[in-house]
Amino acid sequence: MPHVLTRSLDRAAATFILLVAACGVLIPLSNLLLPAGSVFQVPTYLVALWGKYVCYAILALAIDLIWGYCGILSLGHGAFFALGGYAMGMYLMRQIGSRGVYGNPDLPDFMVFLNYPKLPWYWHGFDMFWFAALMVVLVPGLLAFCFGWLAFRSRVTGVYLSIITQAMTYALLLGFFRNDFGFGGNNGLTDFKDILGFNVQADGTRAALFALSCIALIIGFLMCRAVVTSKLGKVLIAVRDAESRTRFLGYRVESYKLFVFTLSACMAGVAGALYVPQVGIINPSEFAPGNSIEAVIWVAVGGRGTLVGAALGAIVVNYAKTYFTSGPLAPYWLFMLGALFILVTLLLPKGIVGTFNSWWEPWKTRRLAPAAESAAREDGVSEPNMAE
């Protein structure tokens, strides 16, 4: 495995990993060690905000893996993100215990308010972190596997697949809005106290969550790079570019698509689980189809099929969202986001990173060509004469 990861890293990927690692170390240290009045001290609210951006970057990586390299445009990945968030939220709710408003040691406050006689069976086990962590990956992965098996086996592709993924997340949105579903209804899950015994509001906990998010982003990036640079990745690209021809060559296209779709859903679930303790709430609005569409825009802006661009697009777009929605332009943010998507599609169809690569590679080739020719002449090697 180490040689696979080493082979999959180019200069841009290594730079990205080092940059994320540096942020994961320096930002928490700046927050915890420097005095509050220092110019270099990062406030706690910015640590939580940037932690949210990092979680979005993991979600963007998950979408780029299936869309950029396999041609599967999912408009429902927000569902997997939200399911991972709810799994973590259930664990955090169980940690409240008797410290809730109603003081019930077993039932969360919203269940007491709704007169639940006992804890629903699907809440059992979430008082243990290892069980919740398992569900963070298992629940989105199982849903993606079942959905993908039915869709890909039926050879549903293109816009039709995008529509049914959107229908899936909308169905979950309606279900989680119901009070009798057992997940807090419209209000969702909130008022978290502890995670693994540490106060979720403490500066040290928030710094640790940010560092863990950066580690998860690096691991997710390495996994995606290992997949797309392997023989499996070549098959995925073939499926993206010519699915029918790939099938005629003897590859079981459905199996490849199912694997990468399930892996992507698990990554989205992990992103949602890291998102919830840093934001402090999870509610059905995370299932909204608009969130999934917005995540696709992140990938398109950064550069589909680049991985680094997907993460960059998520951070850039969400930073712009934070900046513009906190001022007089707040009512016009959705119009600006739509305009951004249209302009990128028309002017930068490869996204920011993809366009940069398309300019950089020819320039690099022209720059290195004289040096290569000079080295070849010194070694006594020349271009073959076609007339001979």
Protein backbone atom coordinates (compact mmCIF):
# COMPACT_ATOMS: atom_id res chain seq x y z
CA MET A 1 0.00 0.00 0.00
CA PRO A 2 2.72 2.59 0.74
CA HIS A 3 4.14 2.32 -2.79
CA VAL A 4 0.67 2.87 -4.22
CA LEU A 5 0.28 6.10 -2.25
CA THR A 6 3.79 7.24 -3.16
CA ARG A 7 3.19 6.61 -6.85
CA SER A 8 -0.12 8.47 -6.74
CA LEU A 9 1.39 11.69 -5.37
CA ASP A 10 2.61 14.36 -7.75
CA ARG A 11 3.94 17.77 -6.80
CA ALA A 12 0.50 19.40 -6.64
CA ALA A 13 -0.90 16.60 -4.47
CA ALA A 14 2.08 16.72 -2.11
CA THR A 15 1.75 20.51 -1.85
CA PHE A 16 -1.95 20.17 -1.06
CA ILE A 17 -1.28 17.61 1.68
CA LEU A 18 1.48 19.70 3.24
CA LEU A 19 -0.72 22.80 3.18
CA VAL A 20 -3.64 21.01 4.86
CA ALA A 21 -1.29 19.44 7.42
CA ALA A 22 0.24 22.84 8.18
CA CYS A 23 -3.21 24.36 8.71
CA GLY A 24 -4.21 21.42 10.89
CA VAL A 25 -1.24 22.08 13.17
CA LEU A 26 -0.72 25.85 13.09
CA ILE A 27 -4.34 27.04 13.40
CA PRO A 28 -5.10 25.03 16.59
CA LEU A 29 -1.75 26.01 18.10
CA SER A 30 -2.38 29.65 17.28
CA ASN A 31 -5.78 29.45 18.93
CA LEU A 32 -4.57 27.72 22.08
CA LEU A 33 -1.10 29.12 22.71
CA LEU A 34 -1.16 32.76 21.60
CA PRO A 35 -2.80 35.45 23.73
CA ALA A 36 -6.21 36.77 22.68
CA GLY A 37 -4.86 40.19 21.69
CA SER A 38 -2.17 38.83 19.37
CA VAL A 39 -2.33 39.55 15.65
CA PHE A 40 -1.54 35.89 14.88
CA GLN A 41 -4.09 34.42 17.30
CA VAL A 42 -6.97 32.67 15.50
CA PRO A 43 -10.26 33.16 17.39
CA THR A 44 -12.27 30.11 18.36
CA TYR A 45 -15.20 31.04 16.13
CA LEU A 46 -12.86 31.08 13.12
CA VAL A 47 -11.49 27.67 14.09
CA ALA A 48 -15.04 26.28 14.05
CA LEU A 49 -15.84 28.10 10.79
CA TRP A 50 -12.78 26.79 9.01
CA GLY A 51 -13.48 23.35 10.43
CA LYS A 52 -16.84 23.52 8.69
CA TYR A 53 -15.10 24.43 5.43
CA VAL A 54 -12.78 21.44 5.77
CA CYS A 55 -15.79 19.14 6.22
CA TYR A 56 -17.30 20.60 3.07
CA ALA A 57 -14.01 19.92 1.28
CA ILE A 58 -14.28 16.22 2.23
CA LEU A 59 -17.82 16.16 0.82
CA ALA A 60 -16.56 17.81 -2.39
CA LEU A 61 -13.85 15.15 -2.71
CA ALA A 62 -16.50 12.46 -2.40
CA ILE A 63 -18.55 14.03 -5.19
CA ASP A 64 -15.53 14.58 -7.43
CA LEU A 65 -14.58 10.91 -7.08
CA ILE A 66 -17.83 9.76 -8.66
CA TRP A 67 -18.58 12.70 -10.95
CA GLY A 68 -15.12 13.70 -12.11
CA TYR A 69 -13.73 10.20 -12.58
CA CYS A 70 -16.77 7.97 -13.17
CA GLY A 71 -19.32 10.31 -14.69
CA ILE A 72 -21.95 9.74 -11.97
CA LEU A 73 -23.65 13.07 -11.27
CA SER A 74 -25.29 12.65 -7.88
CA LEU A 75 -27.66 15.38 -6.71
CA GLY A 76 -28.32 13.57 -3.45
CA HIS A 77 -24.98 13.37 -1.71
CA GLY A 78 -26.25 15.76 0.92
CA ALA A 79 -28.33 12.82 2.18
CA PHE A 80 -25.23 10.76 2.99
CA PHE A 81 -23.62 13.81 4.60
CA ALA A 82 -26.72 14.35 6.75
CA LEU A 83 -27.01 10.66 7.72
CA GLY A 84 -23.44 10.69 9.00
CA GLY A 85 -24.26 13.88 10.89
CA TYR A 86 -27.36 12.36 12.47
CA ALA A 87 -25.40 9.28 13.58
CA MET A 88 -22.92 11.53 15.37
CA GLY A 89 -25.75 13.74 16.69
CA MET A 90 -27.45 10.71 18.23
CA TYR A 91 -24.26 9.85 20.09
CA LEU A 92 -23.91 13.43 21.33
CA MET A 93 -27.55 13.47 22.48
CA ARG A 94 -27.05 10.27 24.46
CA GLN A 95 -24.10 11.90 26.23
CA ILE A 96 -26.34 14.64 27.68
CA GLY A 97 -28.08 12.24 30.07
CA SER A 98 -29.73 13.88 33.07
CA ARG A 99 -28.23 17.30 32.23
CA GLY A 100 -31.06 18.00 29.81
CA VAL A 101 -33.90 20.41 30.47
CA TYR A 102 -36.19 17.65 31.74
CA GLY A 103 -33.46 15.74 33.58
CA ASN A 104 -34.34 12.36 32.05
CA PRO A 105 -31.23 10.12 32.10
CA ASP A 106 -32.40 7.95 29.18
CA LEU A 107 -34.57 10.06 26.87
CA PRO A 108 -33.43 13.19 25.00
CA ASP A 109 -35.44 16.32 25.77
CA PHE A 110 -37.47 16.23 22.57
CA MET A 111 -38.62 12.68 23.32
CA VAL A 112 -39.75 13.70 26.80
CA PHE A 113 -41.61 16.67 25.30
CA LEU A 114 -43.32 14.40 22.75
CA ASN A 115 -44.26 11.87 25.46
CA TYR A 116 -42.14 8.98 24.20
CA PRO A 117 -42.64 6.11 26.66
CA LYS A 118 -39.18 4.67 26.07
CA LEU A 119 -36.12 5.02 23.90
CA PRO A 120 -36.72 3.75 20.32
CA TRP A 121 -34.83 0.58 19.44
CA TYR A 122 -32.71 2.26 16.78
CA TRP A 123 -31.28 4.65 19.40
CA HIS A 124 -29.78 1.81 21.42
CA GLY A 125 -26.00 1.55 21.17
CA PHE A 126 -25.46 5.21 20.39
CA ASP A 127 -24.28 5.84 23.92
CA MET A 128 -21.02 4.15 22.82
CA PHE A 129 -18.67 6.11 20.57
CA TRP A 130 -17.38 3.10 18.66
CA PHE A 131 -20.92 2.10 17.71
CA ALA A 132 -21.76 5.63 16.57
CA ALA A 133 -18.52 5.81 14.55
CA LEU A 134 -19.42 2.52 12.89
CA MET A 135 -22.91 3.79 12.02
CA VAL A 136 -21.39 6.99 10.57
CA VAL A 137 -19.85 4.86 7.83
CA LEU A 138 -22.25 1.91 7.73
CA VAL A 139 -25.59 3.72 7.36
CA PRO A 140 -24.63 5.98 4.40
CA GLY A 141 -22.64 3.14 2.85
CA LEU A 142 -25.52 0.67 3.14
CA LEU A 143 -28.01 3.13 1.68
CA ALA A 144 -25.65 3.93 -1.20
CA PHE A 145 -25.02 0.22 -1.83
CA CYS A 146 -28.73 -0.63 -1.97
CA PHE A 147 -29.60 2.42 -4.06
CA GLY A 148 -26.66 1.91 -6.39
CA TRP A 149 -27.30 -1.80 -6.82
CA LEU A 150 -30.85 -1.12 -7.96
CA ALA A 151 -29.97 1.89 -10.14
CA PHE A 152 -26.81 0.60 -11.81
CA ARG A 153 -28.20 -2.89 -12.31
CA SER A 154 -31.12 -1.27 -14.15
CA ARG A 155 -28.57 0.79 -16.14
CA VAL A 156 -30.01 4.11 -15.04
CA THR A 157 -27.55 6.78 -16.12
CA GLY A 158 -27.25 10.45 -16.92
CA VAL A 159 -29.93 12.92 -15.98
CA TYR A 160 -32.30 10.14 -14.91
CA LEU A 161 -29.87 8.99 -12.24
CA SER A 162 -29.40 12.57 -11.08
CA ILE A 163 -33.17 13.01 -10.73
CA ILE A 164 -33.69 9.87 -8.65
CA THR A 165 -30.78 10.75 -6.35
CA GLN A 166 -32.49 14.09 -5.79
CA ALA A 167 -35.78 12.30 -5.15
CA MET A 168 -34.02 10.09 -2.59
CA THR A 169 -32.72 13.00 -0.53
CA TYR A 170 -36.07 14.78 -0.76
CA ALA A 171 -37.85 11.68 0.55
CA LEU A 172 -35.46 11.56 3.49
CA LEU A 173 -36.04 15.27 4.08
CA LEU A 174 -39.79 14.68 4.40
CA GLY A 175 -39.27 11.68 6.66
CA PHE A 176 -36.91 13.39 9.08
CA PHE A 177 -39.24 16.37 9.36
CA ARG A 178 -41.83 14.11 11.04
CA ASN A 179 -41.85 14.16 14.84
CA ASP A 180 -42.81 10.49 15.01
CA PHE A 181 -39.67 9.55 13.08
CA GLY A 182 -37.71 9.83 16.31
CA PHE A 183 -35.03 12.31 15.22
CA GLY A 184 -36.27 15.58 16.65
CA GLY A 185 -38.50 16.61 13.76
CA ASN A 186 -38.02 20.11 12.40
CA ASN A 187 -35.72 21.14 15.28
CA GLY A 188 -33.36 18.23 14.80
CA LEU A 189 -30.68 17.41 17.37
CA THR A 190 -28.85 20.14 19.29
CA ASP A 191 -27.75 21.37 22.74
CA PHE A 192 -24.77 19.00 22.74
CA LYS A 193 -22.63 18.84 25.88
CA ASP A 194 -19.74 16.39 25.58
CA ILE A 195 -17.85 14.30 23.07
CA LEU A 196 -15.70 11.53 24.53
CA GLY A 197 -15.96 13.30 27.88
CA PHE A 198 -14.72 16.66 26.57
CA ASN A 199 -16.87 19.78 26.49
CA VAL A 200 -17.76 20.46 22.84
CA GLN A 201 -17.76 24.22 23.50
CA ALA A 202 -14.23 24.28 24.93
CA ASP A 203 -11.46 25.86 22.89
CA GLY A 204 -9.31 22.76 23.14
CA THR A 205 -12.11 20.52 21.87
CA ARG A 206 -12.83 22.77 18.91
CA ALA A 207 -9.13 22.90 18.05
CA ALA A 208 -8.92 19.11 18.24
CA LEU A 209 -11.99 18.71 16.02
CA PHE A 210 -10.43 21.04 13.45
CA ALA A 211 -7.21 19.02 13.48
CA LEU A 212 -9.18 15.78 13.12
CA SER A 213 -11.07 17.27 10.18
CA CYS A 214 -7.78 18.13 8.47
CA ILE A 215 -6.51 14.59 9.09
CA ALA A 216 -9.73 13.18 7.63
CA LEU A 217 -9.34 15.43 4.57
CA ILE A 218 -5.78 14.19 4.02
CA ILE A 219 -6.82 10.54 4.43
CA GLY A 220 -9.78 11.02 2.10
CA PHE A 221 -7.56 12.72 -0.47
CA LEU A 222 -4.99 9.91 -0.30
CA MET A 223 -7.72 7.31 -0.71
CA CYS A 224 -9.13 9.09 -3.75
CA ARG A 225 -5.67 9.52 -5.27
CA ALA A 226 -4.91 5.84 -4.70
CA VAL A 227 -8.15 4.89 -6.45
CA VAL A 228 -7.92 7.20 -9.46
CA THR A 229 -4.23 6.48 -10.17
CA SER A 230 -4.64 2.70 -9.99
CA LYS A 231 -5.89 0.28 -12.64
CA LEU A 232 -9.33 0.66 -11.05
CA GLY A 233 -9.14 4.39 -11.72
CA LYS A 234 -8.35 3.78 -15.40
CA VAL A 235 -11.45 1.62 -15.68
CA LEU A 236 -13.53 4.30 -13.94
CA ILE A 237 -12.33 6.90 -16.46
CA ALA A 238 -13.17 4.49 -19.27
CA VAL A 239 -16.67 4.11 -17.83
CA ARG A 240 -16.99 7.90 -17.69
CA ASP A 241 -15.87 8.40 -21.28
CA ALA A 242 -17.38 5.35 -22.99
CA GLU A 243 -19.51 3.18 -20.72
CA SER A 244 -20.95 0.98 -23.47
CA ARG A 245 -17.54 0.29 -25.00
CA THR A 246 -16.12 -0.55 -21.57
CA ARG A 247 -18.97 -3.01 -21.02
CA PHE A 248 -18.36 -4.61 -24.43
CA LEU A 249 -14.71 -5.13 -23.50
CA GLY A 250 -15.87 -7.45 -20.72
CA TYR A 251 -15.77 -5.21 -17.64
CA ARG A 252 -18.65 -5.41 -15.19
CA VAL A 253 -19.38 -1.71 -15.24
CA GLU A 254 -22.09 -1.95 -12.59
CA SER A 255 -19.66 -3.38 -10.04
CA TYR A 256 -17.13 -0.59 -10.56
CA LYS A 257 -19.78 2.11 -10.31
CA LEU A 258 -21.31 0.49 -7.23
CA PHE A 259 -17.96 0.31 -5.46
CA VAL A 260 -16.99 3.94 -6.07
CA PHE A 261 -20.51 5.19 -5.28
CA THR A 262 -20.51 3.37 -1.94
CA LEU A 263 -17.01 4.60 -1.08
CA SER A 264 -18.05 8.15 -1.91
CA ALA A 265 -21.11 7.89 0.34
CA CYS A 266 -18.98 6.65 3.25
CA MET A 267 -16.67 9.65 2.81
CA ALA A 268 -19.67 11.98 2.82
CA GLY A 269 -20.90 10.35 6.04
CA VAL A 270 -17.55 10.95 7.75
CA ALA A 271 -17.67 14.59 6.64
CA GLY A 272 -21.13 14.96 8.17
CA ALA A 273 -20.03 13.36 11.44
CA LEU A 274 -17.15 15.82 11.81
CA TYR A 275 -19.41 18.71 10.82
CA VAL A 276 -22.04 18.26 13.54
CA PRO A 277 -19.98 18.74 16.76
CA GLN A 278 -18.33 21.82 15.25
CA VAL A 279 -21.60 23.43 14.16
CA GLY A 280 -23.60 22.27 17.18
CA ILE A 281 -26.79 21.19 15.41
CA ILE A 282 -28.13 18.77 12.81
CA ASN A 283 -31.65 19.10 11.41
CA PRO A 284 -33.59 17.97 8.32
CA SER A 285 -32.58 21.06 6.34
CA GLU A 286 -29.26 19.28 5.66
CA PHE A 287 -31.24 16.88 3.44
CA ALA A 288 -32.51 19.74 1.27
CA PRO A 289 -31.81 19.03 -2.42
CA GLY A 290 -30.41 22.54 -2.76
CA ASN A 291 -27.49 21.59 -0.50
CA SER A 292 -26.54 18.69 -2.77
CA ILE A 293 -26.76 20.90 -5.85
CA GLU A 294 -24.60 23.52 -4.14
CA ALA A 295 -21.98 20.85 -3.40
CA VAL A 296 -21.88 19.97 -7.10
CA ILE A 297 -21.26 23.66 -7.85
CA TRP A 298 -18.25 23.60 -5.52
CA VAL A 299 -16.73 20.81 -7.58
CA ALA A 300 -17.53 22.51 -10.89
CA VAL A 301 -15.97 25.78 -9.74
CA GLY A 302 -12.80 24.17 -8.40
CA GLY A 303 -12.35 21.73 -11.27
CA ARG A 304 -14.03 18.41 -11.92
CA GLY A 305 -11.68 15.45 -12.08
CA THR A 306 -8.83 17.13 -10.20
CA LEU A 307 -9.55 16.33 -6.51
CA VAL A 308 -7.49 19.33 -5.38
CA GLY A 309 -9.85 21.59 -7.31
CA ALA A 310 -12.89 20.06 -5.64
CA ALA A 311 -11.54 20.80 -2.17
CA LEU A 312 -10.45 24.28 -3.23
CA GLY A 313 -13.84 25.02 -4.77
CA ALA A 314 -15.64 24.00 -1.57
CA ILE A 315 -13.50 26.34 0.53
CA VAL A 316 -13.61 29.28 -1.90
CA VAL A 317 -17.37 29.15 -2.52
CA ASN A 318 -18.23 28.74 1.16
CA TYR A 319 -15.91 31.54 2.16
CA ALA A 320 -17.65 33.74 -0.40
CA LYS A 321 -21.00 32.62 1.00
CA THR A 322 -19.96 33.58 4.53
CA TYR A 323 -18.66 36.94 3.35
CA PHE A 324 -21.58 37.96 1.14
CA THR A 325 -24.40 36.62 3.34
CA SER A 326 -23.26 38.72 6.29
CA GLY A 327 -23.76 42.08 4.56
CA PRO A 328 -26.22 43.96 2.39
CA LEU A 329 -25.79 41.45 -0.45
CA ALA A 330 -27.23 38.59 1.63
CA PRO A 331 -30.61 38.45 -0.21
CA TYR A 332 -28.81 38.12 -3.52
CA TRP A 333 -26.42 35.30 -2.62
CA LEU A 334 -28.35 32.57 -4.47
CA PHE A 335 -28.42 34.71 -7.60
CA MET A 336 -24.68 35.24 -7.27
CA LEU A 337 -24.11 31.51 -6.81
CA GLY A 338 -26.16 30.71 -9.90
CA ALA A 339 -24.31 33.36 -11.90
CA LEU A 340 -20.99 31.95 -10.69
CA PHE A 341 -21.94 28.46 -11.89
CA ILE A 342 -23.04 29.78 -15.30
CA LEU A 343 -19.90 31.87 -15.74
CA VAL A 344 -17.63 29.01 -14.75
CA THR A 345 -19.46 26.67 -17.13
CA LEU A 346 -19.12 29.12 -20.03
CA LEU A 347 -15.70 30.66 -19.37
CA LEU A 348 -13.89 28.04 -17.27
CA PRO A 349 -15.49 24.68 -18.18
CA LYS A 350 -12.60 22.84 -16.54
CA GLY A 351 -12.87 24.83 -13.32
CA ILE A 352 -10.15 26.85 -11.63
CA VAL A 353 -7.59 24.08 -11.21
CA GLY A 354 -8.43 22.35 -14.49
CA THR A 355 -7.98 25.60 -16.44
CA PHE A 356 -4.72 26.32 -14.65
CA ASN A 357 -3.44 22.84 -15.52
CA SER A 358 -4.41 23.26 -19.18
CA TRP A 359 -2.33 26.46 -19.30
CA TRP A 360 0.52 25.23 -17.15
CA GLU A 361 1.31 21.92 -18.85
CA PRO A 362 1.92 23.31 -22.38
CA TRP A 363 4.02 26.15 -20.95
CA LYS A 364 6.01 23.68 -18.89
CA THR A 365 6.54 21.45 -21.93
CA ARG A 366 7.78 24.35 -24.07
CA ARG A 367 10.09 25.48 -21.28
CA LEU A 368 11.64 22.05 -20.77
CA ALA A 369 11.89 21.14 -24.46
CA PRO A 370 15.20 23.03 -25.15
CA ALA A 371 16.83 21.52 -22.09
CA ALA A 372 15.73 18.02 -23.15
CA GLU A 373 17.07 18.55 -26.68
CA SER A 374 20.38 19.85 -25.33
CA ALA A 375 20.74 16.86 -23.04
CA ALA A 376 19.96 14.51 -25.92
CA ARG A 377 22.65 16.12 -28.12
CA GLU A 378 25.20 15.84 -25.31
CA ASP A 379 24.39 12.14 -24.99
CA GLY A 380 24.78 11.68 -28.73
CA VAL A 381 21.09 11.00 -29.29
CA SER A 382 19.26 12.77 -32.08
CA GLU A 383 15.84 12.65 -33.62
CA PRO A 384 15.53 9.92 -36.27
CA ASN A 385 15.60 11.15 -39.87
CA MET A 386 12.31 10.16 -41.45
CA ALA A 387 13.87 10.25 -44.95
CA GLU A 388 16.31 7.51 -44.11
